[in-house]
Amino acid sequence: MEGNGIDNQGAKCICRVLRENLFLTEVVLSENKIATEGAIALCQFLKGNRNLKKVDLTGNVIGDAAGQSFYEVLKGNPVLKELLLANNQFEEGAAKAFKDALQDNEHLELLDLSWNHFKTRGSIAISEGLQENVGLKRFKFAKAGLAKDGSAAMALALKNNRTLLELDISFNRISMEGAHSIASGVKENDVLQVLKIGNNPFDSDGAQVIIEAIDLNECSAIKHLDFSNIMVKIEFDKIQQRLKKERDMVIVNEGVLPEIHPKNGTYARLSAFRRDPIETFKKYAEFSGVKLTDIFNSGDHVRINASEFKTLVKGSGIEIPDEQLTVLTRTLEENGSINYWKILDGEVAGLSENMGRNLSVSDSDRPESREKSAKGKLRKKSEESDQNTERQTKSAKQKNRKKEKKKK
């Protein structure tokens, strides 16, 4: 019954129906409006229910006050195996209740508390509950606010928990110090099989520390390692290629940074490409000695598609890997067109303001006219290139004829 606008009164009606049903094993009520009062009513029913194995209450505006009710459910219900409570409004008070629930419950196998409002203190409490938990196999804790101190608490959970097989701690403000903490945890863990830790602010060095810890742990059971939105170093790639062969691991990342740039040294600071592709692209242009205003005509704010944009960039002499150019293209794309003016912001700000004040609304100034003009320039460049190629071909043929005459 996902996405049906069911409110707290509707939840109470559903409880009356479920009490009389002995066959249902899963109930999906995600993306409704059950709210705190409706969640408490459902919990009163769930405490005595012995049929339901899965309950999904994702995205229901459930607040902190319902935390104690969920604790009572998890403490007294030995049948419930999967509880999904992501994207609600639980805070520190509910976090303490979930901590106690994790310590007392031995039957729950999947718990999803992602995208709530726990912040660091709340996430620490839940991590402490995970340290003493026996039974949980999959724990989804994305966007929970672990940060530095929460990462240290989660590292202790990784060292002590003996049943957890999958952990998702992506989007958790995990810094470089946090990455070191997580590395210390996985170095001593021989149970975890899936670790998702992408979309965090640590850079390629943080990813390096974690994969080195897994590599050193000969008893590690990790088969899937996710560093989404994090670029890695060449040293990381060497380890990951070996682990893929020796341990059949699947490792996800956003690509390998070249170690040395042919003109201006290291790429150490470019591991943040996914977080700010526009600024990093400007650095590529600077390294390549190319002015962006020479590539993109700042006087013609026109629409170009992704293919035309890539053609311009590749023909400009800017040395940028194809996969990163694709990322940049997706970042700039709006309604099927590439808004390249995001790149030029700041460099031609004064020029654009003057244009806005001085341009009159003539046919040549209209967006569609400027678009035709810009695309005409692209075609002209292409035609000139074809003409040069044709001239070179004719010249080569003439030289061959002269050589044949001399031989005769």
Protein backbone atom coordinates (compact mmCIF):
# COMPACT_ATOMS: atom_id res chain seq x y z
CA MET A 1 0.00 0.00 0.00
CA GLU A 2 2.85 2.34 -0.87
CA GLY A 3 2.16 6.01 -1.59
CA ASN A 4 -1.57 6.13 -0.82
CA GLY A 5 -1.81 9.11 1.52
CA ILE A 6 -2.74 6.89 4.49
CA ASP A 7 -2.78 8.98 7.68
CA ASN A 8 -2.82 7.98 11.37
CA GLN A 9 -6.55 7.16 11.28
CA GLY A 10 -5.99 4.92 8.27
CA ALA A 11 -3.15 3.19 10.12
CA LYS A 12 -5.49 2.39 13.02
CA CYS A 13 -8.03 0.88 10.59
CA ILE A 14 -5.28 -1.25 9.02
CA CYS A 15 -4.34 -2.54 12.47
CA ARG A 16 -7.92 -3.79 13.02
CA VAL A 17 -7.80 -5.66 9.71
CA LEU A 18 -4.36 -7.17 10.41
CA ARG A 19 -5.48 -8.50 13.79
CA GLU A 20 -8.01 -10.72 12.03
CA ASN A 21 -5.62 -11.90 9.30
CA LEU A 22 -3.44 -14.92 9.95
CA PHE A 23 -1.77 -15.22 6.55
CA LEU A 24 -0.05 -11.95 5.62
CA THR A 25 3.71 -11.98 6.24
CA GLU A 26 4.73 -8.62 4.74
CA VAL A 27 3.18 -5.14 4.93
CA VAL A 28 4.51 -2.23 2.87
CA LEU A 29 3.17 1.18 3.96
CA SER A 30 6.02 3.35 2.70
CA GLU A 31 5.57 6.93 1.45
CA ASN A 32 2.30 7.57 3.30
CA LYS A 33 1.37 10.05 6.04
CA ILE A 34 1.08 7.72 9.00
CA ALA A 35 3.11 10.08 11.22
CA THR A 36 4.00 9.50 14.87
CA GLU A 37 0.52 8.75 16.17
CA GLY A 38 -0.18 6.17 13.46
CA ALA A 39 3.23 4.55 13.99
CA ILE A 40 2.55 4.16 17.72
CA ALA A 41 -0.79 2.49 16.92
CA LEU A 42 0.95 0.07 14.54
CA CYS A 43 3.54 -0.73 17.19
CA GLN A 44 0.80 -1.64 19.69
CA PHE A 45 -0.42 -4.18 17.15
CA LEU A 46 3.06 -5.44 16.23
CA LYS A 47 3.98 -6.22 19.84
CA GLY A 48 1.57 -9.14 19.86
CA ASN A 49 1.66 -10.08 16.18
CA ARG A 50 3.20 -13.41 15.25
CA ASN A 51 2.67 -13.44 11.48
CA LEU A 52 4.39 -10.39 9.98
CA LYS A 53 8.06 -10.89 9.10
CA LYS A 54 8.56 -7.63 7.20
CA VAL A 55 7.21 -4.12 7.90
CA ASP A 56 8.14 -1.16 5.66
CA LEU A 57 7.33 2.31 7.05
CA THR A 58 9.83 4.27 4.94
CA GLY A 59 9.01 7.94 4.41
CA ASN A 60 6.09 8.39 6.83
CA VAL A 61 7.03 11.52 8.81
CA ILE A 62 7.42 9.44 11.99
CA GLY A 63 8.91 11.51 14.80
CA ASP A 64 11.08 10.93 17.85
CA ALA A 65 8.19 10.10 20.19
CA ALA A 66 7.61 6.77 18.42
CA GLY A 67 11.11 5.51 19.28
CA GLN A 68 10.08 3.90 22.57
CA SER A 69 7.21 2.07 20.86
CA PHE A 70 9.57 0.53 18.32
CA TYR A 71 11.86 -0.52 21.17
CA GLU A 72 8.96 -2.41 22.76
CA VAL A 73 8.21 -4.12 19.44
CA LEU A 74 11.80 -5.25 18.91
CA LYS A 75 12.14 -6.35 22.51
CA GLY A 76 9.04 -8.56 22.53
CA ASN A 77 8.51 -9.72 18.93
CA PRO A 78 10.56 -12.81 17.98
CA VAL A 79 9.03 -13.15 14.49
CA LEU A 80 9.79 -9.79 12.83
CA LYS A 81 12.85 -10.14 10.56
CA GLU A 82 12.90 -6.90 8.53
CA LEU A 83 12.04 -3.39 9.71
CA LEU A 84 12.46 -0.46 7.31
CA LEU A 85 12.22 3.00 8.86
CA ALA A 86 14.31 5.13 6.46
CA ASN A 87 13.52 8.74 5.59
CA ASN A 88 11.58 9.60 8.73
CA GLN A 89 12.20 12.18 11.47
CA PHE A 90 13.85 10.17 14.25
CA GLU A 91 16.35 12.13 16.35
CA GLU A 92 18.58 11.55 19.37
CA GLY A 93 15.75 10.38 21.66
CA ALA A 94 14.72 7.61 19.27
CA ALA A 95 18.40 6.74 18.74
CA LYS A 96 18.70 5.77 22.41
CA ALA A 97 15.62 3.56 22.08
CA PHE A 98 17.07 1.85 18.98
CA LYS A 99 20.35 1.35 20.85
CA ASP A 100 18.54 -0.58 23.58
CA ALA A 101 16.53 -2.48 20.98
CA LEU A 102 19.67 -3.61 19.15
CA GLN A 103 21.19 -4.80 22.41
CA ASP A 104 18.08 -6.80 23.40
CA ASN A 105 16.83 -8.18 20.06
CA GLU A 106 18.36 -11.37 18.62
CA HIS A 107 15.86 -12.07 15.84
CA LEU A 108 15.84 -9.01 13.55
CA GLU A 109 17.96 -9.53 10.41
CA LEU A 110 17.47 -6.25 8.47
CA LEU A 111 17.16 -2.76 9.94
CA ASP A 112 17.06 0.38 7.77
CA LEU A 113 17.47 3.68 9.65
CA SER A 114 18.92 5.68 6.75
CA TRP A 115 18.13 9.34 6.09
CA ASN A 116 16.88 10.26 9.55
CA HIS A 117 17.98 13.12 11.84
CA PHE A 118 20.20 11.29 14.35
CA LYS A 119 23.27 13.50 13.93
CA THR A 120 26.54 12.52 15.61
CA ARG A 121 25.36 11.79 19.16
CA GLY A 122 22.41 9.74 17.93
CA SER A 123 24.55 7.78 15.48
CA ILE A 124 27.07 7.05 18.25
CA ALA A 125 24.30 5.60 20.42
CA ILE A 126 23.07 3.33 17.63
CA SER A 127 26.63 2.23 16.82
CA GLU A 128 27.08 1.29 20.48
CA GLY A 129 23.93 -0.85 20.25
CA LEU A 130 25.35 -2.53 17.15
CA GLN A 131 28.49 -3.44 19.07
CA GLU A 132 26.48 -5.72 21.35
CA ASN A 133 23.92 -6.93 18.82
CA VAL A 134 23.60 -10.62 17.99
CA GLY A 135 21.49 -11.52 14.98
CA LEU A 136 21.39 -8.48 12.67
CA LYS A 137 22.74 -9.32 9.20
CA ARG A 138 22.03 -6.15 7.17
CA PHE A 139 22.16 -2.62 8.57
CA LYS A 140 21.42 0.41 6.38
CA PHE A 141 22.62 3.61 8.04
CA ALA A 142 23.19 6.06 5.18
CA LYS A 143 22.90 9.81 5.83
CA ALA A 144 22.96 9.33 9.59
CA GLY A 145 25.58 11.93 10.56
CA LEU A 146 28.39 9.66 11.79
CA ALA A 147 31.18 12.21 11.20
CA LYS A 148 34.46 11.73 13.11
CA ASP A 149 33.23 10.49 16.51
CA GLY A 150 30.47 8.36 15.02
CA SER A 151 33.00 6.68 12.73
CA ALA A 152 35.09 5.74 15.77
CA ALA A 153 32.01 4.17 17.39
CA MET A 154 31.14 2.31 14.19
CA ALA A 155 34.72 1.00 14.01
CA LEU A 156 34.23 -0.59 17.45
CA ALA A 157 31.04 -2.19 16.15
CA LEU A 158 32.98 -3.68 13.25
CA LYS A 159 35.53 -5.08 15.66
CA ASN A 160 32.98 -6.63 18.03
CA ASN A 161 29.91 -7.60 15.99
CA ARG A 162 29.96 -11.23 14.84
CA THR A 163 26.80 -11.47 12.68
CA LEU A 164 26.64 -8.35 10.47
CA LEU A 165 27.12 -9.19 6.77
CA GLU A 166 26.18 -5.89 5.09
CA LEU A 167 26.74 -2.29 6.21
CA ASP A 168 25.78 0.89 4.36
CA ILE A 169 27.34 4.06 5.83
CA SER A 170 27.42 6.22 2.71
CA PHE A 171 26.60 9.96 2.90
CA ASN A 172 27.80 10.12 6.53
CA ARG A 173 30.23 13.06 6.67
CA ILE A 174 33.10 10.62 7.23
CA SER A 175 36.34 12.61 7.09
CA MET A 176 39.92 11.41 6.68
CA GLU A 177 40.12 10.69 10.42
CA GLY A 178 36.87 8.77 10.15
CA ALA A 179 38.28 6.74 7.26
CA HIS A 180 41.22 5.73 9.47
CA SER A 181 38.75 4.61 12.15
CA ILE A 182 36.73 2.50 9.71
CA ALA A 183 39.97 1.02 8.38
CA SER A 184 40.91 -0.10 11.91
CA GLY A 185 37.51 -1.80 12.16
CA VAL A 186 37.62 -3.73 8.89
CA LYS A 187 41.20 -4.77 9.62
CA GLU A 188 39.91 -6.92 12.50
CA ASN A 189 36.58 -8.02 11.00
CA ASP A 190 36.22 -11.45 9.40
CA VAL A 191 32.42 -11.53 8.94
CA LEU A 192 31.32 -8.47 6.94
CA GLN A 193 30.76 -9.17 3.22
CA VAL A 194 29.42 -5.84 1.88
CA LEU A 195 30.66 -2.36 2.84
CA LYS A 196 29.16 0.73 1.21
CA ILE A 197 31.05 3.86 2.21
CA GLY A 198 30.81 6.10 -0.86
CA ASN A 199 29.73 9.74 -1.08
CA ASN A 200 31.76 10.76 1.95
CA PRO A 201 34.19 13.72 2.15
CA PHE A 202 37.40 11.70 2.58
CA ASP A 203 39.51 11.69 -0.58
CA SER A 204 41.62 9.10 -2.40
CA ASP A 205 43.93 8.81 0.61
CA GLY A 206 41.00 7.70 2.77
CA ALA A 207 39.99 5.07 0.24
CA GLN A 208 43.61 3.93 0.13
CA VAL A 209 43.75 3.44 3.91
CA ILE A 210 40.58 1.34 3.91
CA ILE A 211 41.52 -0.94 1.01
CA GLU A 212 45.01 -1.46 2.47
CA ALA A 213 43.42 -2.56 5.77
CA ILE A 214 41.21 -5.06 3.93
CA ASP A 215 44.21 -6.29 1.96
CA LEU A 216 46.23 -6.87 5.13
CA ASN A 217 43.34 -8.77 6.73
CA GLU A 218 43.75 -12.28 5.28
CA CYS A 219 40.54 -13.35 7.06
CA SER A 220 38.42 -10.54 5.59
CA ALA A 221 35.15 -11.77 4.09
CA ILE A 222 34.40 -8.57 2.16
CA LYS A 223 33.29 -9.30 -1.41
CA HIS A 224 31.66 -5.98 -2.33
CA LEU A 225 33.32 -2.63 -1.55
CA ASP A 226 31.59 0.58 -2.68
CA PHE A 227 33.45 3.92 -2.90
CA SER A 228 30.89 5.70 -5.11
CA ASN A 229 31.78 9.31 -5.98
CA ILE A 230 35.36 8.90 -4.71
CA MET A 231 38.30 8.85 -7.11
CA VAL A 232 41.29 6.68 -6.27
CA LYS A 233 45.05 6.60 -6.84
CA ILE A 234 47.10 4.33 -9.06
CA GLU A 235 48.31 2.48 -5.92
CA PHE A 236 44.67 1.77 -5.03
CA ASP A 237 44.03 0.39 -8.51
CA LYS A 238 46.97 -2.02 -8.19
CA ILE A 239 45.55 -3.43 -4.96
CA GLN A 240 42.00 -3.61 -6.29
CA GLN A 241 43.07 -5.49 -9.43
CA ARG A 242 44.87 -8.06 -7.29
CA LEU A 243 41.94 -8.42 -4.87
CA LYS A 244 39.54 -8.91 -7.77
CA LYS A 245 41.66 -11.84 -8.96
CA GLU A 246 42.60 -13.38 -5.63
CA ARG A 247 39.37 -12.82 -3.67
CA ASP A 248 36.83 -12.31 -6.46
CA MET A 249 35.91 -8.89 -5.03
CA VAL A 250 33.65 -6.28 -6.63
CA ILE A 251 35.06 -2.78 -6.01
CA VAL A 252 33.20 0.37 -7.04
CA ASN A 253 34.84 3.80 -7.40
CA GLU A 254 34.78 6.82 -9.71
CA GLY A 255 37.95 6.06 -11.61
CA VAL A 256 41.71 6.29 -11.19
CA LEU A 257 43.56 9.60 -11.03
CA PRO A 258 46.71 9.76 -13.18
CA GLU A 259 49.71 10.05 -10.88
CA ILE A 260 51.60 12.69 -12.86
CA HIS A 261 50.26 15.29 -15.26
CA PRO A 262 52.47 15.77 -18.32
CA LYS A 263 52.73 19.54 -17.72
CA ASN A 264 52.14 20.52 -14.13
CA GLY A 265 52.95 17.69 -11.74
CA THR A 266 50.66 15.76 -9.43
CA TYR A 267 46.92 15.28 -9.50
CA ALA A 268 46.74 14.87 -5.73
CA ARG A 269 44.09 17.54 -5.30
CA LEU A 270 41.88 16.36 -8.12
CA SER A 271 40.33 13.46 -6.19
CA ALA A 272 37.45 15.80 -5.36
CA PHE A 273 36.38 15.87 -9.01
CA ARG A 274 32.99 14.32 -8.36
CA ARG A 275 32.22 16.83 -5.62
CA ASP A 276 33.07 19.85 -7.78
CA PRO A 277 33.59 18.87 -11.43
CA ILE A 278 33.31 22.44 -12.75
CA GLU A 279 36.19 23.82 -10.67
CA THR A 280 38.29 20.76 -11.43
CA PHE A 281 37.61 21.17 -15.15
CA LYS A 282 38.91 24.73 -14.89
CA LYS A 283 42.12 23.30 -13.40
CA TYR A 284 42.43 20.89 -16.33
CA ALA A 285 42.09 23.87 -18.69
CA GLU A 286 44.73 25.79 -16.74
CA PHE A 287 47.11 22.80 -16.79
CA SER A 288 46.59 22.50 -20.56
CA GLY A 289 47.18 26.21 -21.13
CA VAL A 290 43.72 26.77 -22.62
CA LYS A 291 41.49 29.79 -21.99
CA LEU A 292 37.87 28.80 -21.51
CA THR A 293 36.65 32.00 -23.16
CA ASP A 294 38.46 30.89 -26.32
CA ILE A 295 36.42 27.67 -26.42
CA PHE A 296 33.00 28.97 -25.48
CA ASN A 297 31.80 32.18 -27.09
CA SER A 298 30.77 34.26 -24.08
CA GLY A 299 28.79 36.59 -26.32
CA ASP A 300 26.48 33.82 -27.57
CA HIS A 301 24.52 32.19 -24.76
CA VAL A 302 23.19 29.41 -26.98
CA ARG A 303 21.99 25.87 -26.61
CA ILE A 304 24.31 23.03 -27.50
CA ASN A 305 23.78 19.35 -26.83
CA ALA A 306 26.07 16.92 -25.03
CA SER A 307 27.72 15.66 -28.22
CA GLU A 308 28.53 19.18 -29.41
CA PHE A 309 29.90 20.09 -25.99
CA LYS A 310 32.22 17.07 -25.94
CA THR A 311 33.40 17.88 -29.46
CA LEU A 312 34.30 21.43 -28.41
CA VAL A 313 36.21 20.26 -25.34
CA LYS A 314 38.12 17.50 -27.13
CA GLY A 315 39.07 19.82 -29.96
CA SER A 316 40.29 22.52 -27.57
CA GLY A 317 43.39 20.69 -26.37
CA ILE A 318 42.21 20.25 -22.76
CA GLU A 319 43.48 16.89 -21.54
CA ILE A 320 40.62 15.38 -19.55
CA PRO A 321 39.73 11.66 -19.27
CA ASP A 322 36.56 10.62 -21.10
CA GLU A 323 34.81 9.39 -17.96
CA GLN A 324 35.37 12.73 -16.22
CA LEU A 325 34.15 14.60 -19.30
CA THR A 326 30.98 12.53 -19.09
CA VAL A 327 30.54 13.50 -15.43
CA LEU A 328 31.02 17.17 -16.32
CA THR A 329 28.49 16.89 -19.14
CA ARG A 330 25.87 15.41 -16.80
CA THR A 331 26.53 18.20 -14.30
CA LEU A 332 25.97 20.92 -16.90
CA GLU A 333 22.97 19.33 -18.60
CA GLU A 334 19.63 21.09 -18.19
CA ASN A 335 16.52 20.04 -20.11
CA GLY A 336 18.54 18.29 -22.79
CA SER A 337 21.00 21.16 -23.36
CA ILE A 338 24.42 21.97 -21.90
CA ASN A 339 24.50 25.13 -19.78
CA TYR A 340 28.21 25.89 -20.33
CA TRP A 341 27.75 29.31 -18.73
CA LYS A 342 28.16 27.61 -15.37
CA ILE A 343 31.80 27.14 -16.34
CA LEU A 344 32.19 30.77 -17.43
CA ASP A 345 30.62 32.26 -14.27
CA GLY A 346 33.12 34.58 -12.64
CA GLU A 347 35.38 34.72 -15.69
CA VAL A 348 32.94 36.70 -17.81
CA ALA A 349 30.62 38.04 -15.11
CA GLY A 350 31.32 41.66 -15.98
CA LEU A 351 30.93 40.94 -19.67
CA SER A 352 27.55 39.26 -19.20
CA GLU A 353 26.26 42.17 -17.10
CA ASN A 354 27.26 44.69 -19.77
CA MET A 355 25.63 42.56 -22.40
CA GLY A 356 22.42 42.46 -20.38
CA ARG A 357 22.36 46.27 -20.19
CA ASN A 358 23.38 47.05 -23.77
CA LEU A 359 21.72 44.44 -25.97
CA SER A 360 18.67 45.55 -27.92
CA VAL A 361 16.00 43.11 -28.98
CA SER A 362 16.91 42.79 -32.64
CA ASP A 363 16.62 39.63 -34.68
CA SER A 364 20.35 39.00 -34.42
CA ASP A 365 20.18 39.21 -30.61
CA ARG A 366 17.41 36.70 -30.14
CA PRO A 367 18.46 33.37 -28.47
CA GLU A 368 17.46 31.35 -31.52
CA SER A 369 19.54 33.61 -33.79
CA ARG A 370 22.56 33.33 -31.55
CA GLU A 371 22.05 29.58 -31.42
CA LYS A 372 22.06 29.35 -35.20
CA SER A 373 25.15 31.55 -35.30
CA ALA A 374 27.06 29.40 -32.83
CA LYS A 375 26.09 26.17 -34.54
CA GLY A 376 27.05 27.78 -37.84
CA LYS A 377 30.50 28.37 -36.40
CA LEU A 378 30.74 24.70 -35.46
CA ARG A 379 29.79 23.68 -39.02
CA LYS A 380 32.24 26.21 -40.46
CA LYS A 381 35.08 24.74 -38.38
CA SER A 382 34.12 21.27 -39.57
CA GLU A 383 33.97 22.41 -43.23
CA GLU A 384 37.35 24.15 -42.95
CA SER A 385 38.82 20.96 -41.52
CA ASP A 386 37.36 18.93 -44.43
CA GLN A 387 38.74 21.44 -46.96
CA ASN A 388 42.23 21.23 -45.41
CA THR A 389 42.08 17.46 -45.59
CA GLU A 390 40.99 17.63 -49.25
CA ARG A 391 43.85 20.01 -50.15
CA GLN A 392 46.36 17.76 -48.43
CA THR A 393 45.03 14.75 -50.35
CA LYS A 394 45.29 16.58 -53.72
CA SER A 395 48.83 17.70 -52.93
CA ALA A 396 49.86 14.16 -52.08
CA LYS A 397 48.39 12.85 -55.37
CA GLN A 398 50.25 15.49 -57.40
CA LYS A 399 53.56 14.54 -55.75
CA ASN A 400 52.95 10.86 -56.55
CA ARG A 401 52.30 11.68 -60.22
CA LYS A 402 55.59 13.66 -60.45
CA LYS A 403 57.50 10.75 -58.93
CA GLU A 404 55.99 8.32 -61.46
CA LYS A 405 56.98 10.63 -64.38
CA LYS A 406 60.57 10.82 -63.11
CA LYS A 407 60.76 7.03 -62.90
CA LYS A 408 59.52 6.69 -66.47
